[in-house]
Amino acid sequence: MKKILVIFALLAVSFASVNAQENLKWGATLGMNSSNFSGDAFSSKIGFHAGVKAEVGLPQIAEGVYLDLGALLSLKGAKVNLGSYDIKYNPCYLEIPVHMGYKYAVNENFAVFGNAGPYVAIGLFGKVKTDGIESSDPSDNVFDEDGGGMKRFDLGLGLKFGVEFCKKIQVAFGYDWGLIDNADHIDNKNRNMMISLSYMF
């Protein structure tokens, strides 16, 4: 956990050090995940995401076009019912989205935006929990072969849209589609719907 906090602190300092540069804004973001796996047997579970983000204006392409970058701690996963017991997968990732977006200012205090692009994610920690079997270990490392067997690396595409108030506060809705299997020998990919609140400095 200390390593994660150090990473976020370094990213925040890096963003702050270049904040004076033209066309760059940085901020903090926090929100809720409703994640799932692509397999039919699974159902969604609630998680969270939190971290830092940056927006780089690209007026050389067109007015309103920008690059949206982030570094997020994101709790995803899914759950499955197997009759007499339930299994919950709780992988936590360091996720880095790199999106291209467009922001339209309706007036000085209100804007709408949308962005899309790839993300990469590295599994940091997490548990797979089994409820309903008294003799079983209640929780194991979700990334261990003897636990959940999930892969640490994930790659996918994301889409996000939202509104911005006073050039500071953003409320956004998004969805991520994992493109690679999240475990060996199983055709399952990560899915995640997000609601985010961000404050731009």
C-alpha atoms as a PDB file:
ATOM      1  CA  MET A   1       0.000   0.000   0.000  1.00  0.00           C
ATOM      2  CA  LYS A   2       2.892   2.377   0.758  1.00  0.00           C
ATOM      3  CA  LYS A   3       4.274   1.830  -2.750  1.00  0.00           C
ATOM      4  CA  ILE A   4       0.903   2.764  -4.242  1.00  0.00           C
ATOM      5  CA  LEU A   5       0.733   5.982  -2.221  1.00  0.00           C
ATOM      6  CA  VAL A   6       4.269   6.856  -3.305  1.00  0.00           C
ATOM      7  CA  ILE A   7       3.313   6.318  -6.961  1.00  0.00           C
ATOM      8  CA  PHE A   8       0.280   8.581  -6.637  1.00  0.00           C
ATOM      9  CA  ALA A   9       2.323  11.220  -4.810  1.00  0.00           C
ATOM     10  CA  LEU A  10       4.987  11.215  -7.529  1.00  0.00           C
ATOM     11  CA  LEU A  11       2.350  11.504 -10.234  1.00  0.00           C
ATOM     12  CA  ALA A  12       0.677  14.385  -8.418  1.00  0.00           C
ATOM     13  CA  VAL A  13       4.001  16.215  -8.046  1.00  0.00           C
ATOM     14  CA  SER A  14       4.800  15.622 -11.707  1.00  0.00           C
ATOM     15  CA  PHE A  15       1.441  17.013 -12.819  1.00  0.00           C
ATOM     16  CA  ALA A  16       1.794  19.983 -10.474  1.00  0.00           C
ATOM     17  CA  SER A  17       5.305  20.795 -11.723  1.00  0.00           C
ATOM     18  CA  VAL A  18       4.027  21.229 -15.273  1.00  0.00           C
ATOM     19  CA  ASN A  19       0.737  22.847 -14.354  1.00  0.00           C
ATOM     20  CA  ALA A  20       1.992  26.231 -15.491  1.00  0.00           C
ATOM     21  CA  GLN A  21       2.381  24.967 -19.025  1.00  0.00           C
ATOM     22  CA  GLU A  22      -0.186  26.255 -21.483  1.00  0.00           C
ATOM     23  CA  ASN A  23      -3.165  24.004 -22.271  1.00  0.00           C
ATOM     24  CA  LEU A  24      -2.572  21.640 -19.331  1.00  0.00           C
ATOM     25  CA  LYS A  25      -4.867  21.026 -16.352  1.00  0.00           C
ATOM     26  CA  TRP A  26      -4.597  18.401 -13.643  1.00  0.00           C
ATOM     27  CA  GLY A  27      -6.933  17.191 -10.955  1.00  0.00           C
ATOM     28  CA  ALA A  28      -8.153  14.457  -8.627  1.00  0.00           C
ATOM     29  CA  THR A  29     -10.906  11.958  -9.343  1.00  0.00           C
ATOM     30  CA  LEU A  30     -13.000   9.564  -7.257  1.00  0.00           C
ATOM     31  CA  GLY A  31     -15.888   7.315  -8.164  1.00  0.00           C
ATOM     32  CA  MET A  32     -17.836   4.063  -8.097  1.00  0.00           C
ATOM     33  CA  ASN A  33     -17.343   0.968 -10.262  1.00  0.00           C
ATOM     34  CA  SER A  34     -19.972  -1.567 -11.240  1.00  0.00           C
ATOM     35  CA  SER A  35     -17.748  -4.302 -12.649  1.00  0.00           C
ATOM     36  CA  ASN A  36     -18.332  -7.722 -14.154  1.00  0.00           C
ATOM     37  CA  PHE A  37     -16.741 -10.435 -16.302  1.00  0.00           C
ATOM     38  CA  SER A  38     -17.933 -11.146 -19.826  1.00  0.00           C
ATOM     39  CA  GLY A  39     -18.967 -14.753 -19.028  1.00  0.00           C
ATOM     40  CA  ASP A  40     -22.711 -15.440 -18.730  1.00  0.00           C
ATOM     41  CA  ALA A  41     -22.423 -17.066 -15.299  1.00  0.00           C
ATOM     42  CA  PHE A  42     -21.097 -13.937 -13.581  1.00  0.00           C
ATOM     43  CA  SER A  43     -22.927 -10.993 -12.072  1.00  0.00           C
ATOM     44  CA  SER A  44     -21.716  -7.484 -11.295  1.00  0.00           C
ATOM     45  CA  LYS A  45     -20.260  -6.188  -8.037  1.00  0.00           C
ATOM     46  CA  ILE A  46     -19.590  -2.713  -6.649  1.00  0.00           C
ATOM     47  CA  GLY A  47     -16.063  -1.294  -6.389  1.00  0.00           C
ATOM     48  CA  PHE A  48     -14.341   2.062  -6.564  1.00  0.00           C
ATOM     49  CA  HIS A  49     -11.679   4.059  -8.382  1.00  0.00           C
ATOM     50  CA  ALA A  50      -9.541   6.968  -7.179  1.00  0.00           C
ATOM     51  CA  GLY A  51      -6.492   8.793  -8.456  1.00  0.00           C
ATOM     52  CA  VAL A  52      -5.165  11.703 -10.449  1.00  0.00           C
ATOM     53  CA  LYS A  53      -5.839  12.883 -14.001  1.00  0.00           C
ATOM     54  CA  ALA A  54      -4.552  15.422 -16.503  1.00  0.00           C
ATOM     55  CA  GLU A  55      -6.050  17.153 -19.528  1.00  0.00           C
ATOM     56  CA  VAL A  56      -3.805  18.448 -22.302  1.00  0.00           C
ATOM     57  CA  GLY A  57      -5.467  20.799 -24.801  1.00  0.00           C
ATOM     58  CA  LEU A  58      -4.679  20.151 -28.468  1.00  0.00           C
ATOM     59  CA  PRO A  59      -5.699  23.379 -30.261  1.00  0.00           C
ATOM     60  CA  GLN A  60      -3.315  22.518 -33.096  1.00  0.00           C
ATOM     61  CA  ILE A  61      -5.819  19.799 -34.059  1.00  0.00           C
ATOM     62  CA  ALA A  62      -9.024  21.740 -33.335  1.00  0.00           C
ATOM     63  CA  GLU A  63     -10.474  23.975 -30.644  1.00  0.00           C
ATOM     64  CA  GLY A  64     -11.932  21.799 -27.876  1.00  0.00           C
ATOM     65  CA  VAL A  65      -9.887  18.687 -28.668  1.00  0.00           C
ATOM     66  CA  TYR A  66      -7.825  17.392 -25.756  1.00  0.00           C
ATOM     67  CA  LEU A  67      -5.927  14.399 -24.383  1.00  0.00           C
ATOM     68  CA  ASP A  68      -7.280  12.879 -21.156  1.00  0.00           C
ATOM     69  CA  LEU A  69      -4.746  10.954 -19.025  1.00  0.00           C
ATOM     70  CA  GLY A  70      -5.049   9.289 -15.648  1.00  0.00           C
ATOM     71  CA  ALA A  71      -3.519   7.031 -13.020  1.00  0.00           C
ATOM     72  CA  LEU A  72      -6.202   5.252 -11.017  1.00  0.00           C
ATOM     73  CA  LEU A  73      -6.408   2.695  -8.244  1.00  0.00           C
ATOM     74  CA  SER A  74      -9.424   0.674  -9.413  1.00  0.00           C
ATOM     75  CA  LEU A  75     -11.217  -2.177  -7.605  1.00  0.00           C
ATOM     76  CA  LYS A  76     -13.012  -4.365 -10.166  1.00  0.00           C
ATOM     77  CA  GLY A  77     -14.125  -8.008 -10.306  1.00  0.00           C
ATOM     78  CA  ALA A  78     -17.315 -10.037 -10.368  1.00  0.00           C
ATOM     79  CA  LYS A  79     -19.245 -12.637  -8.433  1.00  0.00           C
ATOM     80  CA  VAL A  80     -20.726 -16.016  -9.326  1.00  0.00           C
ATOM     81  CA  ASN A  81     -23.242 -18.260  -7.604  1.00  0.00           C
ATOM     82  CA  LEU A  82     -22.474 -21.990  -7.753  1.00  0.00           C
ATOM     83  CA  GLY A  83     -25.550 -23.297  -5.983  1.00  0.00           C
ATOM     84  CA  SER A  84     -24.586 -23.808  -2.359  1.00  0.00           C
ATOM     85  CA  TYR A  85     -21.792 -21.207  -2.329  1.00  0.00           C
ATOM     86  CA  ASP A  86     -20.749 -17.887  -3.843  1.00  0.00           C
ATOM     87  CA  ILE A  87     -17.357 -16.778  -5.170  1.00  0.00           C
ATOM     88  CA  LYS A  88     -16.366 -13.106  -5.279  1.00  0.00           C
ATOM     89  CA  TYR A  89     -13.349 -11.879  -7.264  1.00  0.00           C
ATOM     90  CA  ASN A  90     -11.889  -8.582  -6.004  1.00  0.00           C
ATOM     91  CA  PRO A  91      -8.849  -7.609  -8.124  1.00  0.00           C
ATOM     92  CA  CYS A  92      -7.382  -4.153  -7.574  1.00  0.00           C
ATOM     93  CA  TYR A  93      -5.483  -2.576 -10.477  1.00  0.00           C
ATOM     94  CA  LEU A  94      -3.296   0.404 -11.222  1.00  0.00           C
ATOM     95  CA  GLU A  95      -5.114   1.605 -14.345  1.00  0.00           C
ATOM     96  CA  ILE A  96      -3.772   4.139 -16.835  1.00  0.00           C
ATOM     97  CA  PRO A  97      -6.308   5.416 -19.397  1.00  0.00           C
ATOM     98  CA  VAL A  98      -5.141   7.461 -22.405  1.00  0.00           C
ATOM     99  CA  HIS A  99      -8.170   8.982 -24.135  1.00  0.00           C
ATOM    100  CA  MET A 100      -8.723  11.520 -26.891  1.00  0.00           C
ATOM    101  CA  GLY A 101     -11.648  13.814 -26.243  1.00  0.00           C
ATOM    102  CA  TYR A 102     -13.680  16.836 -27.244  1.00  0.00           C
ATOM    103  CA  LYS A 103     -15.076  19.474 -24.877  1.00  0.00           C
ATOM    104  CA  TYR A 104     -17.762  21.944 -25.914  1.00  0.00           C
ATOM    105  CA  ALA A 105     -18.247  25.043 -23.780  1.00  0.00           C
ATOM    106  CA  VAL A 106     -21.934  25.943 -23.691  1.00  0.00           C
ATOM    107  CA  ASN A 107     -21.053  29.066 -21.697  1.00  0.00           C
ATOM    108  CA  GLU A 108     -18.329  30.199 -19.282  1.00  0.00           C
ATOM    109  CA  ASN A 109     -19.612  27.995 -16.459  1.00  0.00           C
ATOM    110  CA  PHE A 110     -20.894  24.890 -18.236  1.00  0.00           C
ATOM    111  CA  ALA A 111     -19.402  22.453 -20.740  1.00  0.00           C
ATOM    112  CA  VAL A 112     -20.095  18.966 -22.056  1.00  0.00           C
ATOM    113  CA  PHE A 113     -17.391  16.499 -23.042  1.00  0.00           C
ATOM    114  CA  GLY A 114     -16.713  13.028 -24.335  1.00  0.00           C
ATOM    115  CA  ASN A 115     -13.549  11.003 -24.729  1.00  0.00           C
ATOM    116  CA  ALA A 116     -12.468   7.512 -25.734  1.00  0.00           C
ATOM    117  CA  GLY A 117      -9.309   5.471 -26.031  1.00  0.00           C
ATOM    118  CA  PRO A 118      -7.246   2.606 -24.632  1.00  0.00           C
ATOM    119  CA  TYR A 119      -6.243   1.746 -21.096  1.00  0.00           C
ATOM    120  CA  VAL A 120      -3.601  -0.495 -19.586  1.00  0.00           C
ATOM    121  CA  ALA A 121      -3.843  -1.953 -16.090  1.00  0.00           C
ATOM    122  CA  ILE A 122      -1.538  -3.856 -13.754  1.00  0.00           C
ATOM    123  CA  GLY A 123      -2.977  -6.031 -10.982  1.00  0.00           C
ATOM    124  CA  LEU A 124      -1.611  -4.945  -7.600  1.00  0.00           C
ATOM    125  CA  PHE A 125      -3.492  -7.004  -5.015  1.00  0.00           C
ATOM    126  CA  GLY A 126      -6.908  -8.448  -4.223  1.00  0.00           C
ATOM    127  CA  LYS A 127      -8.776 -11.423  -2.838  1.00  0.00           C
ATOM    128  CA  VAL A 128     -11.064 -14.132  -4.123  1.00  0.00           C
ATOM    129  CA  LYS A 129     -13.582 -14.999  -1.416  1.00  0.00           C
ATOM    130  CA  THR A 130     -15.698 -18.115  -1.123  1.00  0.00           C
ATOM    131  CA  ASP A 131     -18.847 -17.965   0.993  1.00  0.00           C
ATOM    132  CA  GLY A 132     -20.796 -21.049   1.998  1.00  0.00           C
ATOM    133  CA  ILE A 133     -18.049 -23.679   2.359  1.00  0.00           C
ATOM    134  CA  GLU A 134     -16.974 -23.994   5.998  1.00  0.00           C
ATOM    135  CA  SER A 135     -13.860 -26.075   5.251  1.00  0.00           C
ATOM    136  CA  SER A 136     -12.459 -23.698   2.630  1.00  0.00           C
ATOM    137  CA  ASP A 137     -10.064 -20.819   3.103  1.00  0.00           C
ATOM    138  CA  PRO A 138     -12.358 -17.765   3.165  1.00  0.00           C
ATOM    139  CA  SER A 139     -10.018 -15.714   0.980  1.00  0.00           C
ATOM    140  CA  ASP A 140      -6.992 -16.166  -1.297  1.00  0.00           C
ATOM    141  CA  ASN A 141      -4.862 -13.896  -3.463  1.00  0.00           C
ATOM    142  CA  VAL A 142      -6.901 -13.352  -6.614  1.00  0.00           C
ATOM    143  CA  PHE A 143      -3.740 -13.265  -8.780  1.00  0.00           C
ATOM    144  CA  ASP A 144      -2.209 -16.525  -7.459  1.00  0.00           C
ATOM    145  CA  GLU A 145      -2.605 -19.718  -9.460  1.00  0.00           C
ATOM    146  CA  ASP A 146      -3.859 -21.455  -6.311  1.00  0.00           C
ATOM    147  CA  GLY A 147      -6.270 -18.580  -5.631  1.00  0.00           C
ATOM    148  CA  GLY A 148      -8.284 -16.841  -8.312  1.00  0.00           C
ATOM    149  CA  GLY A 149      -5.779 -17.458 -11.096  1.00  0.00           C
ATOM    150  CA  MET A 150      -6.342 -14.028 -12.661  1.00  0.00           C
ATOM    151  CA  LYS A 151      -3.740 -12.375 -14.896  1.00  0.00           C
ATOM    152  CA  ARG A 152      -2.103  -9.231 -13.568  1.00  0.00           C
ATOM    153  CA  PHE A 153      -2.015  -7.460 -16.947  1.00  0.00           C
ATOM    154  CA  ASP A 154      -5.154  -6.064 -18.570  1.00  0.00           C
ATOM    155  CA  LEU A 155      -5.691  -4.047 -21.743  1.00  0.00           C
ATOM    156  CA  GLY A 156      -8.881  -2.527 -23.057  1.00  0.00           C
ATOM    157  CA  LEU A 157     -10.871   0.349 -24.486  1.00  0.00           C
ATOM    158  CA  GLY A 158     -12.814   2.976 -22.579  1.00  0.00           C
ATOM    159  CA  LEU A 159     -15.551   5.482 -23.361  1.00  0.00           C
ATOM    160  CA  LYS A 160     -16.581   8.400 -21.180  1.00  0.00           C
ATOM    161  CA  PHE A 161     -18.929  11.378 -21.348  1.00  0.00           C
ATOM    162  CA  GLY A 162     -19.942  14.028 -18.850  1.00  0.00           C
ATOM    163  CA  VAL A 163     -20.436  17.642 -17.852  1.00  0.00           C
ATOM    164  CA  GLU A 164     -18.135  20.278 -16.356  1.00  0.00           C
ATOM    165  CA  PHE A 165     -19.137  23.137 -14.051  1.00  0.00           C
ATOM    166  CA  CYS A 166     -17.149  26.366 -13.642  1.00  0.00           C
ATOM    167  CA  LYS A 167     -14.120  24.753 -15.362  1.00  0.00           C
ATOM    168  CA  LYS A 168     -13.456  22.896 -12.097  1.00  0.00           C
ATOM    169  CA  ILE A 169     -15.988  20.196 -11.250  1.00  0.00           C
ATOM    170  CA  GLN A 170     -16.654  17.255 -13.576  1.00  0.00           C
ATOM    171  CA  VAL A 171     -19.296  14.531 -13.357  1.00  0.00           C
ATOM    172  CA  ALA A 172     -18.731  11.684 -15.811  1.00  0.00           C
ATOM    173  CA  PHE A 173     -20.120   8.287 -16.796  1.00  0.00           C
ATOM    174  CA  GLY A 174     -17.924   5.717 -18.488  1.00  0.00           C
ATOM    175  CA  TYR A 175     -17.529   2.116 -19.569  1.00  0.00           C
ATOM    176  CA  ASP A 176     -14.431  -0.054 -20.060  1.00  0.00           C
ATOM    177  CA  TRP A 177     -14.235  -3.125 -22.279  1.00  0.00           C
ATOM    178  CA  GLY A 178     -11.348  -5.482 -21.539  1.00  0.00           C
ATOM    179  CA  LEU A 179      -9.830  -6.880 -24.738  1.00  0.00           C
ATOM    180  CA  ILE A 180      -7.829  -9.803 -23.355  1.00  0.00           C
ATOM    181  CA  ASP A 181      -8.794 -12.778 -21.197  1.00  0.00           C
ATOM    182  CA  ASN A 182      -8.345 -12.050 -17.491  1.00  0.00           C
ATOM    183  CA  ALA A 183      -7.393 -15.667 -16.692  1.00  0.00           C
ATOM    184  CA  ASP A 184      -5.694 -18.544 -18.509  1.00  0.00           C
ATOM    185  CA  HIS A 185      -7.827 -21.072 -20.411  1.00  0.00           C
ATOM    186  CA  ILE A 186     -11.030 -19.109 -19.704  1.00  0.00           C
ATOM    187  CA  ASP A 187     -12.800 -16.805 -22.164  1.00  0.00           C
ATOM    188  CA  ASN A 188     -13.532 -14.056 -19.634  1.00  0.00           C
ATOM    189  CA  LYS A 189     -12.763 -10.360 -20.022  1.00  0.00           C
ATOM    190  CA  ASN A 190     -13.147  -7.446 -17.626  1.00  0.00           C
ATOM    191  CA  ARG A 191     -16.148  -5.135 -17.954  1.00  0.00           C
ATOM    192  CA  ASN A 192     -16.652  -2.002 -15.877  1.00  0.00           C
ATOM    193  CA  MET A 193     -19.196   0.831 -15.685  1.00  0.00           C
ATOM    194  CA  MET A 194     -18.066   3.956 -13.820  1.00  0.00           C
ATOM    195  CA  ILE A 195     -19.480   7.093 -12.273  1.00  0.00           C
ATOM    196  CA  SER A 196     -16.798   9.678 -11.479  1.00  0.00           C
ATOM    197  CA  LEU A 197     -16.481  13.007  -9.699  1.00  0.00           C
ATOM    198  CA  SER A 198     -13.364  15.042 -10.505  1.00  0.00           C
ATOM    199  CA  TYR A 199     -11.975  18.357  -9.348  1.00  0.00           C
ATOM    200  CA  MET A 200      -9.611  20.185 -11.711  1.00  0.00           C
ATOM    201  CA  PHE A 201      -7.019  22.532 -10.166  1.00  0.00           C
END
